[in-house]
């Protein structure tokens, strides 16, 4: 075995060991359970964000239709001539 092969094998084993230690520190013994919990948290956060966006769109639509329905005092209103009959 050459020195370079031994060095690369040693470096690879050190990196694998560090990765395993880091994963054990971050995720603990129950890696699968924690990953599922994190996914559920992300799903719930996405649903909350979607609900807030939908509520904002509905609110904006309500306010804009309310404002369009009111006549502005600065815009000319539609008036009927006093001599013409009104429709009832």
Protein backbone atom coordinates (compact mmCIF):
# COMPACT_ATOMS: atom_id res chain seq x y z
CA UNK A 1 0.00 0.00 0.00
CA UNK A 2 1.44 3.37 -0.98
CA UNK A 3 1.62 6.34 1.34
CA UNK A 4 -0.85 8.34 -0.72
CA UNK A 5 -3.49 5.57 -0.60
CA UNK A 6 -3.05 5.29 3.14
CA UNK A 7 -3.40 9.07 3.55
CA UNK A 8 -6.56 9.27 1.45
CA UNK A 9 -8.09 6.32 3.29
CA UNK A 10 -7.24 7.91 6.64
CA UNK A 11 -8.72 11.27 5.60
CA UNK A 12 -11.89 9.58 4.37
CA UNK A 13 -12.32 7.61 7.59
CA UNK A 14 -11.82 10.78 9.64
CA UNK A 15 -14.44 12.63 7.61
CA UNK A 16 -16.91 9.74 7.99
CA UNK A 17 -16.33 9.68 11.73
CA UNK A 18 -16.85 13.45 12.03
CA UNK A 19 -20.06 13.27 10.01
CA UNK A 20 -21.39 10.46 12.21
CA UNK A 21 -20.50 12.35 15.38
CA UNK A 22 -22.13 15.52 14.05
CA UNK A 23 -25.30 13.62 13.11
CA UNK A 24 -25.40 11.94 16.52
CA UNK A 25 -25.04 15.31 18.22
CA UNK A 26 -27.69 17.02 16.10
CA UNK A 27 -30.26 14.26 15.83
CA UNK A 28 -29.61 11.95 18.78
CA UNK A 29 -30.49 8.28 18.92
CA UNK A 30 -33.98 8.70 17.45
CA UNK A 31 -33.09 10.27 14.11
CA UNK A 32 -36.14 9.02 12.22
CA UNK A 33 -38.64 10.31 14.80
CA UNK A 34 -37.07 13.74 14.96
CA UNK A 35 -37.03 14.01 11.16
CA UNK A 36 -40.75 13.17 11.04
CA UNK A 37 -41.48 15.76 13.74
CA UNK A 38 -39.58 18.40 11.80
CA UNK A 39 -41.51 17.56 8.64
CA UNK A 40 -44.82 17.88 10.50
CA UNK A 41 -43.74 21.27 11.81
CA UNK A 42 -42.92 22.43 8.30
CA UNK A 43 -46.26 21.16 7.00
CA UNK A 44 -48.16 22.98 9.75
CA UNK A 45 -46.17 26.16 9.17
CA UNK A 46 -46.98 25.98 5.46
CA UNK A 47 -50.67 25.52 6.20
CA UNK A 48 -50.67 28.52 8.55
CA UNK A 49 -48.93 30.69 5.96
CA UNK A 50 -51.42 29.59 3.29
CA UNK A 51 -54.36 30.36 5.60
CA UNK A 52 -53.01 33.82 6.39
CA UNK A 53 -52.48 34.55 2.68
CA UNK A 54 -56.02 33.40 1.87
CA UNK A 55 -57.47 35.54 4.66
CA UNK A 56 -55.49 38.51 3.38
CA UNK A 57 -56.82 38.01 -0.15
CA UNK A 58 -60.41 37.74 1.08
CA UNK A 59 -59.98 40.84 3.24
CA UNK A 60 -58.46 42.82 0.39
CA UNK A 61 -61.27 41.77 -1.92
CA UNK A 62 -63.90 42.78 0.65
CA UNK A 63 -62.32 46.19 1.26
CA UNK A 64 -61.80 46.92 -2.42
CA UNK A 65 -65.40 46.02 -3.29
CA UNK A 66 -66.65 48.14 -0.37
CA UNK A 67 -64.66 51.11 -1.61
CA UNK A 68 -65.77 50.65 -5.22
CA UNK A 69 -69.40 50.48 -4.08
CA UNK A 70 -69.21 53.87 -2.39
CA UNK A 71 -69.28 56.96 -4.55
CA UNK A 72 -66.41 59.29 -3.93
CA UNK A 73 -67.32 62.92 -3.22
CA UNK A 74 -64.76 63.95 -5.84
CA UNK A 75 -66.07 61.82 -8.67
CA UNK A 76 -69.03 62.99 -10.73
CA UNK A 77 -72.16 61.07 -9.82
CA UNK A 78 -74.74 59.79 -12.26
CA UNK A 79 -77.75 62.08 -12.16
CA UNK A 80 -81.06 61.76 -13.95
CA UNK A 81 -82.73 64.80 -15.45
CA UNK A 82 -85.60 66.08 -13.30
CA UNK A 83 -88.06 65.91 -16.18
CA UNK A 84 -87.49 62.24 -17.08
CA UNK A 85 -89.41 59.45 -15.35
CA UNK A 86 -87.46 57.18 -13.01
CA UNK A 87 -87.66 53.41 -13.34
CA UNK A 88 -89.18 51.56 -10.42
